[in-house]
Amino acid sequence: MSLGEFVEAFAHHTAEQTDAIFRGDAKTGNKHANKRIAAFKKLCAHGDAGRDALAVLFKHHRMDVRAMAAAYLLRHRTAEAKAVLADISKGEGLAAFGAAEARWTAPRW
């Protein structure tokens, strides 16, 4: 798979997880979360180029996808990721809540 395909998988599985959460389907949500994590690990296997490829999602049409990409890139593209999360945290809903919480700590991938 190409970097773009891994990025698309990350976005797809993030959106699917969110949709599953809203349906109350934790099992499906967890399945998609695991696939998102796998896509991110594949991107990381390509070093900075792989992580940089994920930054395209900072402009994704879905807020949850933007927030998740920013949370995953806090350590690599800190200033940009924090700006995305700060902007999203001003909104409402689950993505806004998650962005407000995520911007203070970076995941340890």
C-alpha atoms as a PDB file:
ATOM      1  CA  MET A   1       0.000   0.000   0.000  1.00  0.00           C
ATOM      2  CA  SER A   2       1.075   3.585  -0.625  1.00  0.00           C
ATOM      3  CA  LEU A   3       1.330   6.310   2.011  1.00  0.00           C
ATOM      4  CA  GLY A   4      -1.861   7.827   0.624  1.00  0.00           C
ATOM      5  CA  GLU A   5      -3.691   4.536   1.042  1.00  0.00           C
ATOM      6  CA  PHE A   6      -2.555   4.272   4.678  1.00  0.00           C
ATOM      7  CA  VAL A   7      -3.742   7.857   5.259  1.00  0.00           C
ATOM      8  CA  GLU A   8      -7.093   7.028   3.676  1.00  0.00           C
ATOM      9  CA  ALA A   9      -7.362   3.902   5.858  1.00  0.00           C
ATOM     10  CA  PHE A  10      -6.620   6.014   8.953  1.00  0.00           C
ATOM     11  CA  ALA A  11      -9.381   8.475   7.995  1.00  0.00           C
ATOM     12  CA  HIS A  12     -11.867   5.748   7.068  1.00  0.00           C
ATOM     13  CA  HIS A  13     -11.416   3.763  10.263  1.00  0.00           C
ATOM     14  CA  THR A  14     -11.551   6.903  12.421  1.00  0.00           C
ATOM     15  CA  ALA A  15     -14.878   7.883  10.841  1.00  0.00           C
ATOM     16  CA  GLU A  16     -16.215   4.336  11.137  1.00  0.00           C
ATOM     17  CA  GLN A  17     -15.216   4.167  14.798  1.00  0.00           C
ATOM     18  CA  THR A  18     -17.020   7.431  15.525  1.00  0.00           C
ATOM     19  CA  ASP A  19     -20.128   6.224  13.718  1.00  0.00           C
ATOM     20  CA  ALA A  20     -20.029   2.952  15.667  1.00  0.00           C
ATOM     21  CA  ILE A  21     -19.723   4.848  18.965  1.00  0.00           C
ATOM     22  CA  PHE A  22     -22.837   6.854  18.131  1.00  0.00           C
ATOM     23  CA  ARG A  23     -24.697   3.618  17.354  1.00  0.00           C
ATOM     24  CA  GLY A  24     -23.584   2.167  20.690  1.00  0.00           C
ATOM     25  CA  ASP A  25     -21.589  -0.568  18.928  1.00  0.00           C
ATOM     26  CA  ALA A  26     -18.383  -0.825  20.934  1.00  0.00           C
ATOM     27  CA  LYS A  27     -17.252  -4.068  19.302  1.00  0.00           C
ATOM     28  CA  THR A  28     -17.283  -2.536  15.813  1.00  0.00           C
ATOM     29  CA  GLY A  29     -15.784   0.678  17.156  1.00  0.00           C
ATOM     30  CA  ASN A  30     -12.881  -1.210  18.681  1.00  0.00           C
ATOM     31  CA  LYS A  31     -12.327  -3.109  15.424  1.00  0.00           C
ATOM     32  CA  HIS A  32     -11.998   0.168  13.547  1.00  0.00           C
ATOM     33  CA  ALA A  33      -9.778   1.676  16.247  1.00  0.00           C
ATOM     34  CA  ASN A  34      -7.387  -1.261  15.890  1.00  0.00           C
ATOM     35  CA  LYS A  35      -7.320  -0.837  12.116  1.00  0.00           C
ATOM     36  CA  ARG A  36      -6.626   2.892  12.497  1.00  0.00           C
ATOM     37  CA  ILE A  37      -3.730   2.136  14.831  1.00  0.00           C
ATOM     38  CA  ALA A  38      -2.383  -0.425  12.349  1.00  0.00           C
ATOM     39  CA  ALA A  39      -2.536   2.158   9.545  1.00  0.00           C
ATOM     40  CA  PHE A  40      -0.651   4.645  11.715  1.00  0.00           C
ATOM     41  CA  LYS A  41       2.031   2.085  12.543  1.00  0.00           C
ATOM     42  CA  LYS A  42       2.475   1.424   8.811  1.00  0.00           C
ATOM     43  CA  LEU A  43       2.874   5.176   8.249  1.00  0.00           C
ATOM     44  CA  CYS A  44       5.416   5.379  11.072  1.00  0.00           C
ATOM     45  CA  ALA A  45       7.392   2.567   9.454  1.00  0.00           C
ATOM     46  CA  HIS A  46       8.130   5.119   6.703  1.00  0.00           C
ATOM     47  CA  GLY A  47       9.626   7.552   9.220  1.00  0.00           C
ATOM     48  CA  ASP A  48       8.963  11.275   9.003  1.00  0.00           C
ATOM     49  CA  ALA A  49       7.573  10.951   5.478  1.00  0.00           C
ATOM     50  CA  GLY A  50       4.854   8.634   6.743  1.00  0.00           C
ATOM     51  CA  ARG A  51       3.931  10.860   9.667  1.00  0.00           C
ATOM     52  CA  ASP A  52       4.023  13.954   7.449  1.00  0.00           C
ATOM     53  CA  ALA A  53       1.613  12.258   5.038  1.00  0.00           C
ATOM     54  CA  LEU A  54      -0.965  12.052   7.824  1.00  0.00           C
ATOM     55  CA  ALA A  55      -0.945  15.839   8.263  1.00  0.00           C
ATOM     56  CA  VAL A  56      -3.104  16.176   5.139  1.00  0.00           C
ATOM     57  CA  LEU A  57      -5.971  15.092   7.391  1.00  0.00           C
ATOM     58  CA  PHE A  58      -5.690  18.364   9.346  1.00  0.00           C
ATOM     59  CA  LYS A  59      -8.003  19.722   6.628  1.00  0.00           C
ATOM     60  CA  HIS A  60     -10.360  16.730   6.380  1.00  0.00           C
ATOM     61  CA  HIS A  61     -14.074  17.531   6.128  1.00  0.00           C
ATOM     62  CA  ARG A  62     -14.875  15.467   9.234  1.00  0.00           C
ATOM     63  CA  MET A  63     -13.963  17.043  12.554  1.00  0.00           C
ATOM     64  CA  ASP A  64     -13.352  13.668  14.205  1.00  0.00           C
ATOM     65  CA  VAL A  65     -10.790  12.730  11.550  1.00  0.00           C
ATOM     66  CA  ARG A  66      -9.006  16.083  11.898  1.00  0.00           C
ATOM     67  CA  ALA A  67      -8.923  15.711  15.678  1.00  0.00           C
ATOM     68  CA  MET A  68      -7.621  12.150  15.603  1.00  0.00           C
ATOM     69  CA  ALA A  69      -4.881  12.972  13.092  1.00  0.00           C
ATOM     70  CA  ALA A  70      -3.838  15.932  15.234  1.00  0.00           C
ATOM     71  CA  ALA A  71      -3.791  13.819  18.394  1.00  0.00           C
ATOM     72  CA  TYR A  72      -1.584  11.237  16.698  1.00  0.00           C
ATOM     73  CA  LEU A  73       0.775  13.915  15.385  1.00  0.00           C
ATOM     74  CA  LEU A  74       1.231  15.888  18.619  1.00  0.00           C
ATOM     75  CA  ARG A  75       4.810  14.696  19.061  1.00  0.00           C
ATOM     76  CA  HIS A  76       5.796  15.050  15.422  1.00  0.00           C
ATOM     77  CA  ARG A  77       4.057  18.281  14.334  1.00  0.00           C
ATOM     78  CA  THR A  78       3.318  19.789  17.716  1.00  0.00           C
ATOM     79  CA  ALA A  79       2.457  23.394  16.828  1.00  0.00           C
ATOM     80  CA  GLU A  80       0.213  22.469  13.901  1.00  0.00           C
ATOM     81  CA  ALA A  81      -1.494  19.659  15.798  1.00  0.00           C
ATOM     82  CA  LYS A  82      -2.178  21.858  18.826  1.00  0.00           C
ATOM     83  CA  ALA A  83      -3.637  24.550  16.579  1.00  0.00           C
ATOM     84  CA  VAL A  84      -5.993  22.023  14.967  1.00  0.00           C
ATOM     85  CA  LEU A  85      -7.042  20.666  18.346  1.00  0.00           C
ATOM     86  CA  ALA A  86      -7.530  24.151  19.813  1.00  0.00           C
ATOM     87  CA  ASP A  87      -9.772  25.094  16.908  1.00  0.00           C
ATOM     88  CA  ILE A  88     -11.849  21.921  17.162  1.00  0.00           C
ATOM     89  CA  SER A  89     -12.134  22.221  20.952  1.00  0.00           C
ATOM     90  CA  LYS A  90     -14.086  25.472  20.487  1.00  0.00           C
ATOM     91  CA  GLY A  91     -16.913  23.512  18.870  1.00  0.00           C
ATOM     92  CA  GLU A  92     -19.453  21.081  20.251  1.00  0.00           C
ATOM     93  CA  GLY A  93     -19.815  17.329  20.400  1.00  0.00           C
ATOM     94  CA  LEU A  94     -17.588  14.340  20.929  1.00  0.00           C
ATOM     95  CA  ALA A  95     -14.777  15.543  18.647  1.00  0.00           C
ATOM     96  CA  ALA A  96     -14.633  18.896  20.441  1.00  0.00           C
ATOM     97  CA  PHE A  97     -14.484  17.184  23.819  1.00  0.00           C
ATOM     98  CA  GLY A  98     -11.776  14.794  22.635  1.00  0.00           C
ATOM     99  CA  ALA A  99      -9.766  17.648  21.122  1.00  0.00           C
ATOM    100  CA  ALA A 100      -9.926  19.618  24.352  1.00  0.00           C
ATOM    101  CA  GLU A 101      -8.586  16.621  26.257  1.00  0.00           C
ATOM    102  CA  ALA A 102      -6.016  15.435  23.703  1.00  0.00           C
ATOM    103  CA  ARG A 103      -4.200  18.691  23.124  1.00  0.00           C
ATOM    104  CA  TRP A 104      -2.529  18.569  26.524  1.00  0.00           C
ATOM    105  CA  THR A 105      -0.725  15.278  26.129  1.00  0.00           C
ATOM    106  CA  ALA A 106       0.965  13.495  23.275  1.00  0.00           C
ATOM    107  CA  PRO A 107       0.464   9.773  22.634  1.00  0.00           C
ATOM    108  CA  ARG A 108       3.598   7.689  23.100  1.00  0.00           C
ATOM    109  CA  TRP A 109       3.812   5.736  19.865  1.00  0.00           C
END
